[in-house]
N, C-alpha and C. Protein backbone atom coordinates (compact mmCIF):
# COMPACT_ATOMS: atom_id res chain seq x y z
N UNK A 1 100.57 85.15 72.72
CA UNK A 1 98.97 84.98 72.76
C UNK A 1 98.57 85.00 71.53
N UNK A 2 97.67 84.13 71.22
CA UNK A 2 97.25 84.00 69.70
C UNK A 2 95.79 84.35 69.75
N UNK A 3 95.61 85.11 68.42
CA UNK A 3 94.17 85.58 68.20
C UNK A 3 93.19 84.68 67.40
N UNK A 4 92.16 84.47 67.96
CA UNK A 4 91.39 83.31 67.49
C UNK A 4 90.52 84.34 66.49
N UNK A 5 90.66 84.12 65.23
CA UNK A 5 90.00 84.76 63.95
C UNK A 5 89.21 83.93 63.31
N UNK A 6 88.06 84.07 63.07
CA UNK A 6 87.21 83.39 62.32
C UNK A 6 87.73 83.46 60.91
N UNK A 7 88.07 82.28 60.32
CA UNK A 7 88.65 82.19 59.04
C UNK A 7 87.75 82.49 57.88
N UNK A 8 86.59 82.00 58.08
CA UNK A 8 85.50 82.12 57.11
C UNK A 8 85.11 83.42 56.83
N UNK A 9 84.85 83.96 58.39
CA UNK A 9 84.71 85.63 58.17
C UNK A 9 85.70 86.45 57.59
N UNK A 10 86.94 85.94 57.55
CA UNK A 10 88.07 86.59 57.17
C UNK A 10 87.87 86.66 55.77
N UNK A 11 87.76 85.55 55.07
CA UNK A 11 87.59 85.30 53.55
C UNK A 11 86.54 85.96 53.09
N UNK A 12 85.38 86.35 53.97
CA UNK A 12 84.24 87.22 53.38
C UNK A 12 84.68 88.69 53.26
N UNK A 13 85.43 88.80 53.60
CA UNK A 13 85.85 90.55 53.76
C UNK A 13 86.80 90.66 52.45
N UNK A 14 86.84 90.02 51.50
CA UNK A 14 87.42 90.41 50.06
C UNK A 14 86.23 90.58 48.91
N UNK A 15 86.67 91.13 47.91
CA UNK A 15 85.40 90.82 46.78
C UNK A 15 86.23 90.89 45.52
N UNK A 16 85.71 89.86 44.77
CA UNK A 16 86.21 90.00 43.38
C UNK A 16 85.72 91.15 42.69
N UNK A 17 86.86 91.62 42.04
CA UNK A 17 86.26 93.13 41.38
C UNK A 17 86.22 92.60 39.93
N UNK A 18 86.69 91.86 39.02
CA UNK A 18 86.62 91.46 37.75
C UNK A 18 86.61 89.96 37.81
N UNK A 19 85.76 89.07 37.75
CA UNK A 19 85.92 87.67 37.85
C UNK A 19 86.76 87.19 36.61
N UNK A 20 87.00 87.76 35.45
CA UNK A 20 88.19 87.43 34.73
C UNK A 20 89.38 87.71 34.75
N UNK A 21 89.60 88.76 35.59
CA UNK A 21 90.81 89.24 35.81
C UNK A 21 91.39 88.74 37.12
N UNK A 22 90.30 88.22 38.06
CA UNK A 22 90.61 87.41 39.35
C UNK A 22 91.32 88.20 40.42
N UNK A 23 91.40 89.61 40.35
CA UNK A 23 92.27 90.50 41.17
C UNK A 23 91.04 90.91 42.24
N UNK A 24 91.17 90.44 43.53
CA UNK A 24 90.87 90.82 44.65
C UNK A 24 91.20 92.08 45.33
N UNK A 25 90.19 92.74 45.93
CA UNK A 25 90.38 94.09 46.82
C UNK A 25 90.00 93.75 47.98
N UNK A 26 91.05 94.00 49.16
CA UNK A 26 90.62 93.48 50.49
C UNK A 26 90.63 94.54 51.23
N UNK A 27 89.64 94.41 52.09
CA UNK A 27 88.97 95.47 53.06
C UNK A 27 90.20 95.93 54.01
N UNK A 28 90.30 96.91 54.42
CA UNK A 28 91.35 97.58 55.42
C UNK A 28 91.26 96.56 56.61
N UNK A 29 90.39 96.21 57.11
CA UNK A 29 89.78 95.08 57.95
C UNK A 29 90.58 93.83 58.16
N UNK A 30 90.00 93.36 56.87
CA UNK A 30 90.77 92.06 56.44
C UNK A 30 92.35 92.11 56.62
N UNK A 31 92.99 93.27 55.83
CA UNK A 31 94.55 93.15 55.75
C UNK A 31 95.11 93.43 57.44
N UNK A 32 94.51 94.07 58.22
CA UNK A 32 94.76 94.15 59.52
C UNK A 32 94.61 92.98 60.35
N UNK A 33 93.57 92.17 60.24
CA UNK A 33 93.22 90.97 60.70
C UNK A 33 94.21 89.76 60.19
N UNK A 34 94.67 89.77 59.31
CA UNK A 34 95.31 89.10 58.33
C UNK A 34 96.90 89.04 58.87
N UNK A 35 97.11 90.38 59.00
CA UNK A 35 98.63 90.97 59.69
C UNK A 35 98.60 90.37 61.13
N UNK A 36 97.68 90.40 62.06
CA UNK A 36 97.66 90.05 63.44
C UNK A 36 97.57 88.76 63.58
N UNK A 37 97.48 87.80 62.38
CA UNK A 37 97.25 86.35 62.44
C UNK A 37 98.69 85.81 62.55
N UNK A 38 99.73 86.63 61.83
CA UNK A 38 100.97 86.37 61.82
C UNK A 38 101.85 87.14 63.29
N UNK A 39 101.25 88.25 63.62
CA UNK A 39 102.16 88.83 64.53
C UNK A 39 101.74 88.35 65.93
N UNK A 40 100.54 88.17 65.84
CA UNK A 40 100.05 87.67 67.38
C UNK A 40 100.17 86.16 67.81
N UNK A 41 100.23 85.33 66.50
CA UNK A 41 100.38 84.18 66.82
C UNK A 41 102.00 83.49 66.73
N UNK A 42 102.49 84.23 66.02
CA UNK A 42 104.14 83.91 65.96
C UNK A 42 104.09 82.91 64.49
N UNK A 43 103.29 82.75 64.21
CA UNK A 43 103.21 81.67 62.72
C UNK A 43 103.85 82.52 61.75
N UNK A 44 104.32 81.92 60.55
CA UNK A 44 105.25 82.14 59.56
C UNK A 44 104.14 82.96 58.66
N UNK A 45 104.75 83.81 57.76
CA UNK A 45 104.01 84.61 56.76
C UNK A 45 103.46 83.61 55.63
N UNK A 46 104.25 82.51 55.33
CA UNK A 46 104.25 81.65 54.57
C UNK A 46 102.94 80.79 54.79
N UNK A 47 103.06 80.19 55.96
CA UNK A 47 101.80 79.68 56.50
C UNK A 47 100.81 80.12 56.32
N UNK A 48 100.54 81.57 56.92
CA UNK A 48 99.59 82.12 56.93
C UNK A 48 98.94 82.44 55.76
N UNK A 49 99.88 82.83 54.79
CA UNK A 49 99.27 83.29 53.19
C UNK A 49 98.69 81.96 52.67
N UNK A 50 99.22 80.81 52.80
CA UNK A 50 98.75 79.75 52.21
C UNK A 50 97.10 79.38 52.78
N UNK A 51 97.20 79.68 54.24
CA UNK A 51 95.80 79.21 54.78
C UNK A 51 94.90 80.26 54.43
N UNK A 52 95.13 81.73 54.25
CA UNK A 52 94.46 82.78 53.46
C UNK A 52 94.11 82.81 51.89
N UNK A 53 95.02 82.00 51.36
CA UNK A 53 94.77 82.03 50.01
C UNK A 53 95.14 83.73 49.31
N UNK A 54 96.47 84.02 50.02
CA UNK A 54 97.01 85.14 49.52
C UNK A 54 98.42 85.27 49.13
N UNK A 55 99.07 85.93 48.34
CA UNK A 55 100.73 85.74 48.18
C UNK A 55 101.39 86.15 49.39
N UNK A 56 102.40 85.63 49.30
CA UNK A 56 103.33 86.09 50.73
C UNK A 56 103.86 87.38 50.53
N UNK A 57 104.05 87.83 49.36
CA UNK A 57 105.03 89.00 49.36
C UNK A 57 103.48 89.93 49.93
N UNK A 58 102.33 89.91 49.40
CA UNK A 58 101.25 90.75 49.98
C UNK A 58 101.03 90.76 51.35
N UNK A 59 100.99 89.52 51.94
CA UNK A 59 100.72 89.18 53.42
C UNK A 59 101.81 89.83 54.10
N UNK A 60 103.18 89.76 53.68
CA UNK A 60 104.35 90.37 54.22
C UNK A 60 104.42 92.13 54.34
N UNK A 61 103.67 92.42 53.06
CA UNK A 61 103.50 93.87 53.08
C UNK A 61 102.59 94.28 54.21
N UNK A 62 101.30 93.71 54.32
CA UNK A 62 100.51 93.98 55.39
C UNK A 62 101.03 93.79 56.80
N UNK A 63 101.91 92.88 56.85
CA UNK A 63 102.28 92.63 58.33
C UNK A 63 103.10 93.63 58.54
N UNK A 64 104.37 94.47 57.54
CA UNK A 64 105.07 95.42 57.82
C UNK A 64 104.33 96.80 57.97
N UNK A 65 103.36 97.06 57.19
CA UNK A 65 102.34 98.23 57.21
C UNK A 65 101.88 98.09 59.02
N UNK A 66 101.41 97.14 59.38
CA UNK A 66 100.73 97.19 60.67
C UNK A 66 102.06 97.04 61.49
N UNK A 67 103.02 96.81 61.46
CA UNK A 67 104.13 96.95 62.68
C UNK A 67 104.13 98.22 62.67
N UNK A 68 104.43 99.07 61.39
CA UNK A 68 104.91 100.35 61.35
C UNK A 68 103.80 101.14 61.98
N UNK A 69 102.49 100.90 61.89
CA UNK A 69 101.35 101.51 62.26
C UNK A 69 101.41 101.34 63.93
N UNK A 70 101.63 100.19 64.51
CA UNK A 70 101.63 99.84 65.81
C UNK A 70 102.61 100.66 66.47
N UNK A 71 103.98 100.64 66.24
CA UNK A 71 104.96 101.67 66.48
C UNK A 71 104.65 103.07 66.47
N UNK A 72 103.92 103.15 65.34
CA UNK A 72 103.66 104.96 65.67
C UNK A 72 102.54 104.95 66.65
N UNK A 73 101.80 104.23 66.78
CA UNK A 73 100.66 104.56 67.75
C UNK A 73 101.37 104.45 69.21
N UNK A 74 102.40 103.42 69.51
CA UNK A 74 103.08 103.09 70.61
C UNK A 74 103.73 104.50 71.02
N UNK A 75 104.73 105.25 69.89
CA UNK A 75 105.62 106.33 70.14
C UNK A 75 104.45 107.52 70.43
N UNK A 76 103.21 107.54 70.14
CA UNK A 76 102.33 108.69 70.52
C UNK A 76 101.68 108.41 71.77
N UNK A 77 101.80 107.44 72.52
CA UNK A 77 101.60 107.49 73.64
C UNK A 77 100.13 106.35 73.77
N UNK A 78 99.78 105.78 72.61
CA UNK A 78 98.55 105.17 72.58
C UNK A 78 99.08 103.27 72.55
N UNK A 79 98.08 103.02 73.49
CA UNK A 79 98.43 101.45 73.54
C UNK A 79 97.81 100.52 72.21
N UNK A 80 98.44 99.84 71.67
CA UNK A 80 97.77 99.27 70.67
C UNK A 80 96.86 98.24 70.99
N UNK A 81 95.83 97.97 70.22
CA UNK A 81 94.87 97.12 70.76
C UNK A 81 95.31 95.63 70.90
N UNK A 82 94.74 94.87 71.74
CA UNK A 82 95.08 93.48 72.33
C UNK A 82 94.07 92.80 71.34
N UNK A 83 94.55 91.56 71.31
CA UNK A 83 93.53 90.38 70.55
C UNK A 83 92.08 90.90 70.96
N UNK A 84 91.65 90.62 72.12
CA UNK A 84 90.44 90.76 72.56
C UNK A 84 89.77 92.02 71.97
N UNK A 85 90.66 93.26 72.26
CA UNK A 85 90.11 94.45 71.85
C UNK A 85 89.80 94.46 70.19
N UNK A 86 90.60 94.08 69.56
CA UNK A 86 90.67 94.04 68.31
C UNK A 86 89.36 93.34 67.96
N UNK A 87 89.07 92.11 68.28
CA UNK A 87 87.92 91.27 68.17
C UNK A 87 86.74 91.92 68.22
N UNK A 88 86.54 92.61 69.31
CA UNK A 88 85.38 93.48 69.83
C UNK A 88 85.23 94.43 69.04
N UNK A 89 86.37 95.14 68.52
CA UNK A 89 86.14 95.97 67.46
C UNK A 89 85.54 95.90 66.26
N UNK A 90 85.94 94.75 65.64
CA UNK A 90 85.34 94.14 64.48
C UNK A 90 84.06 93.74 64.61
N UNK A 91 83.62 93.08 65.96
CA UNK A 91 82.30 92.76 66.07
C UNK A 91 81.42 93.90 66.06
N UNK A 92 81.61 95.38 66.60
CA UNK A 92 81.25 96.48 66.86
C UNK A 92 80.99 96.96 65.43
N UNK A 93 81.87 96.72 64.37
CA UNK A 93 81.70 97.45 63.27
C UNK A 93 80.75 96.74 62.30
N UNK A 94 81.04 95.37 62.62
CA UNK A 94 79.83 94.56 61.99
C UNK A 94 78.38 94.86 62.24
N UNK A 95 78.11 95.32 63.54
CA UNK A 95 76.97 95.27 64.37
C UNK A 95 76.48 96.76 63.62
N UNK A 96 77.35 97.77 63.51
CA UNK A 96 76.67 99.00 62.99
C UNK A 96 76.53 98.86 61.55
N UNK A 97 77.32 98.07 60.72
CA UNK A 97 76.82 97.74 59.32
C UNK A 97 75.42 97.23 59.45
N UNK A 98 75.06 96.26 60.00
CA UNK A 98 73.89 95.47 60.34
C UNK A 98 72.71 96.57 60.71
N UNK A 99 73.22 97.05 61.62
CA UNK A 99 72.20 98.25 61.92
C UNK A 99 71.76 99.28 61.13
N UNK A 100 72.77 99.60 60.65
CA UNK A 100 72.41 100.85 59.24
C UNK A 100 71.65 100.17 58.20
N UNK A 101 71.65 98.88 57.82
CA UNK A 101 70.97 98.07 56.96
C UNK A 101 69.72 97.86 57.25
N UNK A 102 69.34 97.85 58.54
CA UNK A 102 67.90 97.56 59.23
C UNK A 102 67.14 99.17 59.06
N UNK A 103 68.38 100.05 59.45
CA UNK A 103 67.68 101.37 59.54
C UNK A 103 67.06 101.80 58.13
N UNK A 104 67.92 101.38 57.24
CA UNK A 104 67.70 101.81 55.86
C UNK A 104 66.30 101.25 55.39
N UNK A 105 66.00 99.95 55.55
CA UNK A 105 65.24 99.04 55.41
C UNK A 105 64.07 99.75 56.10
N UNK A 106 63.82 99.87 57.48
CA UNK A 106 62.83 100.44 58.02
C UNK A 106 62.44 101.96 57.33
N UNK A 107 63.46 102.81 56.85
CA UNK A 107 63.20 103.66 56.17
C UNK A 107 62.33 103.80 54.93
N UNK A 108 62.59 102.91 54.42
CA UNK A 108 61.95 102.38 53.06
C UNK A 108 60.48 101.91 53.23
N UNK A 109 60.54 101.06 54.28
CA UNK A 109 59.14 100.71 54.86
C UNK A 109 58.00 101.69 55.27
N UNK A 110 58.90 102.64 55.96
CA UNK A 110 58.02 103.92 56.30
C UNK A 110 57.73 104.89 55.40
N UNK A 111 58.43 104.81 54.59
CA UNK A 111 58.09 105.72 53.10
C UNK A 111 57.03 105.01 52.43
N UNK A 112 57.02 103.98 52.34
CA UNK A 112 56.03 102.87 51.32
C UNK A 112 54.64 103.15 52.25
N UNK A 113 54.75 103.07 53.41
CA UNK A 113 53.53 102.85 53.93
C UNK A 113 52.88 104.65 54.15
N UNK A 114 53.73 105.34 54.36
CA UNK A 114 53.27 106.66 54.50
C UNK A 114 52.60 107.10 53.06
N UNK A 115 53.38 106.62 51.90
CA UNK A 115 52.73 106.79 50.58
C UNK A 115 51.55 106.09 50.11
N UNK A 116 51.34 104.99 50.99
CA UNK A 116 49.97 104.13 50.53
C UNK A 116 48.91 104.59 51.53
N UNK A 117 49.22 105.50 52.51
CA UNK A 117 48.02 105.78 53.34
C UNK A 117 46.83 106.71 52.44
N UNK A 118 45.55 106.27 52.84
CA UNK A 118 44.33 107.11 52.29
C UNK A 118 44.16 108.22 52.83
N UNK A 119 44.17 109.49 52.18
CA UNK A 119 43.94 110.60 52.59
C UNK A 119 42.43 110.86 53.05
């Protein structure tokens, strides 16, 4: 069973730390989703690494770490998330981030209007 992952969305999950150094820092979400592109689809690490523009060694390490995490979760009696559940979790996390931004904006607007009210 393959997982349909938005490639553009995945690429947006890393940040350039230093433009001259070109070292990238990837979010935990990005690493897990990249690993599951390999695990769930059965595609090779090399093919997926080229597609995501990361090194094969790095993606291989992410896949290994995710398989260890999945095995640990299974041994504890927890069922690992399937593709649909993982996609829903990512969507909900993004929604939380957006709502936190909205809430922050509304707090600032509220403070502004409270400060500008005539007494």
